[in-house]
Protein backbone atom coordinates (compact mmCIF):
# COMPACT_ATOMS: atom_id res chain seq x y z
CA MET A 1 -23.73 -33.30 10.54
CA ILE A 2 -22.30 -31.34 13.48
CA ALA A 3 -20.76 -34.49 14.98
CA TYR A 4 -19.24 -35.38 11.61
CA LEU A 5 -17.74 -31.91 11.20
CA ALA A 6 -16.30 -31.99 14.72
CA LYS A 7 -14.73 -35.39 14.07
CA ARG A 8 -13.21 -34.26 10.78
CA LEU A 9 -11.84 -31.08 12.31
CA LEU A 10 -10.14 -33.09 15.07
CA MET A 11 -8.61 -35.36 12.44
CA LEU A 12 -6.99 -32.36 10.76
CA VAL A 13 -4.49 -32.00 13.61
CA PRO A 14 -2.66 -35.36 13.28
CA LEU A 15 -2.88 -35.17 9.50
CA LEU A 16 -1.29 -31.74 9.45
CA PHE A 17 1.38 -32.94 11.89
CA GLY A 18 2.23 -35.89 9.63
CA ILE A 19 2.40 -33.68 6.54
CA THR A 20 4.75 -31.20 8.21
CA LEU A 21 6.99 -34.00 9.47
CA ILE A 22 7.37 -35.55 6.02
CA THR A 23 7.76 -32.17 4.32
CA PHE A 24 10.42 -31.01 6.78
CA ALA A 25 12.44 -34.17 6.18
CA VAL A 26 12.10 -34.05 2.39
CA ILE A 27 13.20 -30.44 1.92
CA HIS A 28 16.33 -31.14 3.98
CA LEU A 29 17.16 -34.10 1.73
CA ALA A 30 17.51 -31.80 -1.27
CA PRO A 31 21.15 -31.20 -2.22
CA GLY A 32 22.61 -27.92 -1.06
CA GLU A 33 22.08 -25.84 2.06
CA PRO A 34 21.09 -22.19 2.47
CA VAL A 35 24.68 -21.52 3.49
CA ASP A 36 25.95 -22.96 0.18
CA MET A 37 23.63 -20.64 -1.74
CA GLN A 38 24.75 -17.59 0.20
CA ILE A 39 28.49 -18.17 -0.06
CA SER A 40 28.49 -19.53 -3.63
CA MET A 41 29.64 -16.13 -4.90
CA SER A 42 32.33 -15.88 -2.21
CA PRO A 43 34.58 -18.93 -2.57
CA LYS A 44 37.14 -17.51 -0.13
CA VAL A 45 34.79 -17.77 2.86
CA SER A 46 36.56 -19.68 5.61
CA ALA A 47 35.30 -22.82 7.26
CA GLU A 48 34.88 -20.93 10.53
CA ALA A 49 32.67 -18.31 8.90
CA ARG A 50 30.63 -21.02 7.26
CA GLN A 51 30.15 -22.75 10.61
CA ARG A 52 29.06 -19.48 12.26
CA ILE A 53 26.43 -18.99 9.57
CA ARG A 54 25.13 -22.52 10.12
CA GLU A 55 24.93 -21.88 13.87
CA PHE A 56 23.14 -18.58 13.29
CA TYR A 57 20.44 -20.37 11.29
CA GLY A 58 20.35 -23.36 13.65
CA LEU A 59 21.44 -25.78 10.93
CA ASP A 60 24.18 -27.24 13.13
CA LYS A 61 21.60 -28.99 15.31
CA PRO A 62 20.27 -32.51 14.57
CA LEU A 63 17.33 -32.63 12.20
CA HIS A 64 14.86 -33.81 14.83
CA VAL A 65 15.85 -30.94 17.13
CA GLN A 66 15.33 -28.44 14.30
CA TYR A 67 11.89 -29.90 13.64
CA VAL A 68 10.82 -29.77 17.29
CA GLN A 69 11.93 -26.15 17.52
CA TRP A 70 10.10 -25.29 14.30
CA LEU A 71 6.99 -27.13 15.50
CA GLY A 72 7.00 -25.17 18.74
CA ARG A 73 7.11 -21.91 16.82
CA MET A 74 4.37 -23.02 14.45
CA ALA A 75 2.10 -23.82 17.40
CA ARG A 76 2.34 -20.11 18.20
CA LEU A 77 1.70 -19.26 14.51
CA ASP A 78 5.31 -18.13 14.21
CA PHE A 79 7.06 -19.54 11.13
CA GLY A 80 10.38 -17.99 12.04
CA ARG A 81 12.54 -15.69 9.95
CA SER A 82 13.62 -16.02 6.37
CA PHE A 83 17.15 -17.16 5.56
CA ALA A 84 17.37 -14.39 2.96
CA PRO A 85 19.76 -11.50 3.65
CA ASP A 86 16.87 -9.30 4.83
CA ASN A 87 16.08 -11.86 7.61
CA ARG A 88 12.45 -10.73 7.67
CA PRO A 89 9.67 -12.75 9.39
CA VAL A 90 8.16 -15.41 7.16
CA THR A 91 4.62 -14.24 7.95
CA ASP A 92 5.43 -10.73 6.70
CA LYS A 93 6.74 -12.01 3.38
CA ILE A 94 3.75 -14.28 2.88
CA ALA A 95 1.31 -11.52 3.86
CA GLU A 96 2.77 -9.29 1.14
CA ARG A 97 2.30 -11.83 -1.63
CA ILE A 98 -0.77 -13.82 -0.70
CA PRO A 99 -3.46 -11.20 -1.56
CA ILE A 100 -2.24 -11.03 -5.17
CA THR A 101 -2.19 -14.80 -5.64
CA LEU A 102 -5.55 -15.32 -3.93
CA SER A 103 -7.20 -12.62 -6.02
CA LEU A 104 -5.85 -14.02 -9.29
CA ASN A 105 -6.72 -17.63 -8.54
CA ILE A 106 -10.20 -16.91 -7.15
CA VAL A 107 -11.12 -14.94 -10.27
CA ALA A 108 -9.64 -17.68 -12.47
CA LEU A 109 -11.56 -20.34 -10.54
CA LEU A 110 -14.83 -18.45 -10.94
CA LEU A 111 -14.19 -18.08 -14.65
CA GLU A 112 -13.32 -21.76 -15.02
CA PHE A 113 -16.44 -23.05 -13.30
CA GLY A 114 -18.66 -20.32 -14.72
CA LEU A 115 -17.68 -21.28 -18.26
CA ALA A 116 -16.93 -24.99 -17.95
CA ILE A 117 -20.24 -26.03 -16.38
CA PRO A 118 -22.45 -24.47 -19.12
CA ILE A 119 -20.09 -25.74 -21.83
CA GLY A 120 -20.19 -29.27 -20.39
CA ILE A 121 -23.98 -29.21 -20.09
CA LEU A 122 -24.37 -27.94 -23.63
CA ALA A 123 -22.02 -30.59 -25.03
CA ALA A 124 -23.91 -33.36 -23.19
CA VAL A 125 -27.36 -32.15 -24.26
CA ARG A 126 -26.18 -31.71 -27.87
CA ARG A 127 -24.28 -34.97 -27.92
CA ASP A 128 -22.71 -36.01 -31.26
CA THR A 129 -23.74 -32.77 -32.93
CA LEU A 130 -21.39 -30.37 -34.68
CA LEU A 131 -21.35 -28.25 -31.53
CA ASP A 132 -20.29 -31.20 -29.39
CA LYS A 133 -17.53 -32.12 -31.83
CA GLY A 134 -16.28 -28.54 -31.87
CA ILE A 135 -16.14 -28.49 -28.08
CA THR A 136 -14.28 -31.83 -28.16
CA VAL A 137 -11.64 -30.35 -30.46
CA PHE A 138 -11.31 -27.40 -28.08
CA VAL A 139 -10.89 -29.77 -25.14
CA PHE A 140 -8.17 -31.83 -26.81
CA ALA A 141 -6.37 -28.64 -27.80
CA GLY A 142 -6.52 -27.51 -24.19
CA PHE A 143 -5.04 -30.80 -23.01
CA ALA A 144 -2.35 -30.94 -25.69
CA VAL A 145 -0.98 -27.38 -25.57
CA PRO A 146 1.54 -26.82 -22.74
CA THR A 147 0.40 -23.80 -20.78
CA PHE A 148 3.88 -22.30 -20.47
CA TRP A 149 4.35 -22.52 -24.25
CA LEU A 150 0.92 -20.96 -24.83
CA ALA A 151 1.81 -18.15 -22.41
CA LEU A 152 5.04 -17.39 -24.25
CA LEU A 153 3.27 -17.52 -27.60
CA LEU A 154 0.55 -15.09 -26.49
CA MET A 155 3.13 -12.78 -24.93
CA TYR A 156 5.03 -12.63 -28.21
CA PHE A 157 1.93 -12.13 -30.37
CA PHE A 158 -0.15 -9.71 -28.29
CA GLY A 159 2.66 -8.04 -26.38
CA VAL A 160 5.65 -7.91 -28.71
CA THR A 161 4.22 -8.14 -32.22
CA LEU A 162 0.95 -6.22 -31.81
CA GLY A 163 1.83 -4.26 -28.68
CA TRP A 164 -1.75 -4.47 -27.41
CA LEU A 165 -1.11 -5.94 -23.97
CA PRO A 166 1.68 -5.71 -21.39
CA ILE A 167 3.61 -8.92 -20.82
CA SER A 168 4.85 -8.61 -17.23
CA GLY A 169 3.86 -7.33 -13.82
CA ILE A 170 0.44 -6.17 -12.68
CA HIS A 171 0.92 -2.40 -13.04
CA SER A 172 2.73 0.00 -15.35
CA LEU A 173 5.45 2.31 -14.11
CA GLY A 174 3.90 5.40 -12.61
CA SER A 175 0.47 3.83 -12.27
CA ASP A 176 0.36 4.87 -8.62
CA ARG A 177 -0.08 8.45 -9.80
CA LEU A 178 -3.21 7.57 -11.77
CA GLY A 179 -6.75 7.91 -10.53
CA PRO A 180 -8.71 4.91 -9.18
CA VAL A 181 -10.42 4.07 -12.48
CA PRO A 182 -7.30 4.35 -14.72
CA TRP A 183 -5.32 2.43 -12.09
CA PHE A 184 -7.87 -0.39 -12.12
CA LEU A 185 -8.03 -0.47 -15.94
CA ASP A 186 -4.24 -0.63 -16.08
CA MET A 187 -4.27 -3.63 -13.75
CA VAL A 188 -6.98 -5.37 -15.80
CA LYS A 189 -4.93 -4.83 -18.96
CA HIS A 190 -1.91 -6.45 -17.33
CA LEU A 191 -3.95 -9.45 -16.13
CA ILE A 192 -5.71 -10.33 -19.39
CA LEU A 193 -2.93 -12.62 -20.62
CA PRO A 194 -2.17 -14.46 -17.35
CA MET A 195 -5.85 -14.85 -16.49
CA GLY A 196 -6.62 -16.10 -19.99
CA VAL A 197 -3.85 -18.71 -19.85
CA MET A 198 -4.78 -19.81 -16.33
CA THR A 199 -8.44 -20.21 -17.25
CA PHE A 200 -7.81 -22.01 -20.54
CA GLY A 201 -5.53 -24.54 -18.88
CA SER A 202 -8.29 -25.86 -16.60
CA LEU A 203 -11.36 -24.99 -18.64
CA ALA A 204 -10.82 -27.76 -21.17
CA GLY A 205 -10.54 -30.58 -18.66
CA LEU A 206 -13.30 -29.34 -16.38
CA SER A 207 -15.80 -28.92 -19.22
CA ARG A 208 -15.08 -32.47 -20.40
CA TYR A 209 -15.49 -33.70 -16.84
CA MET A 210 -18.85 -31.98 -16.63
CA ARG A 211 -19.96 -33.43 -19.97
CA SER A 212 -19.18 -36.99 -18.91
CA SER A 213 -20.97 -36.55 -15.60
CA MET A 214 -24.04 -35.05 -17.26
CA LEU A 215 -24.23 -37.84 -19.84
CA GLU A 216 -24.13 -40.43 -17.06
CA VAL A 217 -26.98 -38.72 -15.22
CA LEU A 218 -29.10 -38.32 -18.34
CA ARG A 219 -29.12 -42.12 -18.75
CA GLN A 220 -30.72 -42.66 -15.34
CA ASP A 221 -34.28 -43.92 -14.97
CA TYR A 222 -35.52 -40.92 -13.01
CA ILE A 223 -34.60 -38.65 -15.93
CA THR A 224 -36.65 -40.86 -18.25
CA THR A 225 -39.52 -40.71 -15.76
CA ALA A 226 -39.33 -36.93 -15.56
CA ARG A 227 -39.50 -36.65 -19.33
CA ALA A 228 -42.36 -39.14 -19.47
CA LYS A 229 -44.35 -36.92 -17.10
CA GLY A 230 -44.17 -34.16 -19.66
CA LEU A 231 -41.76 -31.86 -17.85
CA PRO A 232 -40.07 -29.28 -20.07
CA GLU A 233 -36.58 -30.27 -21.15
CA ARG A 234 -35.14 -27.19 -19.45
CA ALA A 235 -36.65 -28.29 -16.12
CA VAL A 236 -35.37 -31.85 -16.57
CA ILE A 237 -31.84 -30.63 -17.19
CA LEU A 238 -31.59 -27.87 -14.61
CA ARG A 239 -33.75 -29.24 -11.79
CA HIS A 240 -33.17 -32.99 -11.95
CA ALA A 241 -29.98 -33.75 -13.88
CA LEU A 242 -27.70 -30.84 -13.00
CA ARG A 243 -27.78 -31.31 -9.25
CA ASN A 244 -26.54 -34.89 -9.38
CA ALA A 245 -24.14 -34.20 -12.24
CA LEU A 246 -22.38 -31.62 -10.08
CA LEU A 247 -21.20 -34.20 -7.53
CA PRO A 248 -17.97 -35.14 -9.39
CA VAL A 249 -17.36 -31.47 -10.13
CA ILE A 250 -17.55 -30.73 -6.40
CA THR A 251 -14.60 -33.07 -5.93
CA PHE A 252 -12.69 -31.05 -8.49
CA LEU A 253 -13.57 -27.87 -6.60
CA GLY A 254 -12.20 -29.32 -3.36
CA PHE A 255 -8.92 -30.18 -5.06
CA SER A 256 -8.76 -26.69 -6.58
CA LEU A 257 -8.63 -24.98 -3.20
CA PRO A 258 -4.93 -25.72 -2.51
CA GLY A 259 -4.17 -24.34 -5.97
CA LEU A 260 -5.26 -20.92 -4.76
CA ILE A 261 -1.83 -20.66 -3.14
CA GLY A 262 0.62 -22.81 -5.06
CA GLY A 263 -1.10 -23.41 -8.38
CA SER A 264 0.24 -20.33 -10.14
CA VAL A 265 4.00 -20.87 -9.91
CA ILE A 266 4.43 -21.12 -13.69
CA PHE A 267 2.19 -18.17 -14.55
CA GLU A 268 3.59 -15.83 -11.93
CA THR A 269 7.15 -16.71 -12.92
CA ILE A 270 6.54 -16.23 -16.65
CA PHE A 271 4.52 -13.01 -16.29
CA ALA A 272 6.68 -11.65 -13.42
CA ILE A 273 3.70 -11.33 -11.08
CA PRO A 274 4.82 -10.73 -7.47
CA GLY A 275 2.66 -13.43 -5.89
CA MET A 276 3.08 -16.57 -3.84
CA GLY A 277 3.93 -18.74 -6.84
CA GLN A 278 6.88 -16.59 -7.83
CA LEU A 279 7.98 -16.36 -4.19
CA PHE A 280 7.83 -20.15 -3.78
CA TYR A 281 10.01 -20.68 -6.85
CA GLN A 282 12.58 -18.18 -5.58
CA VAL A 283 12.81 -19.58 -2.05
CA VAL A 284 13.15 -23.17 -3.31
CA MET A 285 16.12 -22.09 -5.41
CA MET A 286 17.58 -20.32 -2.33
CA ARG A 287 16.84 -23.26 0.03
CA ASP A 288 15.05 -20.85 2.37
CA TYR A 289 13.73 -23.56 4.69
CA PRO A 290 11.48 -21.44 6.98
CA LEU A 291 9.76 -19.75 4.05
CA ILE A 292 9.37 -23.03 2.17
CA MET A 293 7.78 -24.64 5.20
CA GLY A 294 5.48 -21.67 5.74
CA ILE A 295 4.15 -21.83 2.20
CA LEU A 296 3.81 -25.63 2.23
CA VAL A 297 1.98 -25.64 5.56
CA ILE A 298 -0.56 -23.17 4.19
CA GLY A 299 -0.97 -25.36 1.10
CA ALA A 300 -1.41 -28.50 3.22
CA PHE A 301 -3.99 -26.80 5.42
CA LEU A 302 -5.95 -25.67 2.36
CA THR A 303 -5.82 -29.22 0.98
CA LEU A 304 -7.38 -30.61 4.15
CA ILE A 305 -9.99 -27.86 4.26
CA GLY A 306 -10.75 -28.46 0.58
CA ASN A 307 -11.45 -32.14 1.22
CA LEU A 308 -13.71 -31.23 4.13
CA LEU A 309 -15.63 -28.68 2.08
CA ALA A 310 -16.04 -31.20 -0.73
CA ASP A 311 -17.66 -33.68 1.69
CA VAL A 312 -19.97 -30.98 3.04
CA CYS A 313 -20.97 -29.97 -0.47
CA TYR A 314 -21.71 -33.62 -1.26
CA SER A 315 -24.33 -33.74 1.46
CA MET A 316 -25.83 -30.46 0.28
CA ALA A 317 -26.05 -31.56 -3.34
CA ASP A 318 -27.32 -35.09 -2.66
CA PRO A 319 -29.58 -35.62 0.38
CA ARG A 320 -29.10 -39.38 0.09
CA ILE A 321 -25.59 -39.01 1.45
CA ARG A 322 -25.43 -39.37 5.21
CA HIS A 323 -22.04 -38.72 6.74
CA GLY A 324 -20.92 -40.92 9.55
CA ARG A 325 -23.16 -43.84 8.49
CA THR A 326 -21.96 -46.93 6.68
């Protein structure tokens, strides 16, 4: 296992290099430059001033030279400075937003798996019953309803019509003057709608995924043998079937890790939450290349780590799997 982990960790370096190379090229292929965005409201800017701005940002150099310079900075964990008027370091801007996004997505992920796994198990055990059919209707509704439309609908109903819940931000004005408990309750009240929408969007698909996996396991011979030995049904489900049924779900968990950073663009934009998703949307519109690259590199790194963790979890869930052997 140690040799396998060491090999996989070494493979992360060329993979990450290839991802950054492709990403750097693609974002520069998008129409419009940061200079165009900055001078769009000042049509009288001269060509000389425009050229000075391009030189200031290093955009006058060939693309491969820009990439080599950026790569050298990244090797020192320096993503450069933002092209925004404040010209702040990219790491500072990311550090301000990332705790909010990580907190929201980790809680949503825990809710998704904490609810979807029991729902999927229950639907598989009670197959073709009224309960299973009701869960199926819920799943198809979750797949069919666009999450952004559901968010707007809930905002209008609970926020505008009933006035029960706030519809934007994570704190009310003046909440910093409240005590710790009222401050926390105010934040929870603001996060009910976005957390509910985020969880519902993935809960439907994950619960169906778990149901299919559990049904496949329940058809195996060793499950029939366990029942023939007289083991209680609860022991058959939880001790024998669940462990193997979780293997496909582990794959889903590995793919969910990159979403901790970039998977909340829609929700943070709609609910005006100052997180990484909202920041990413803003910098893409501004063509802020250093900040875009910083966010994408973090997302790529989490993707690679997620795949590695999924493989490790495979070996923990199923002892028959032996990494590094074919």
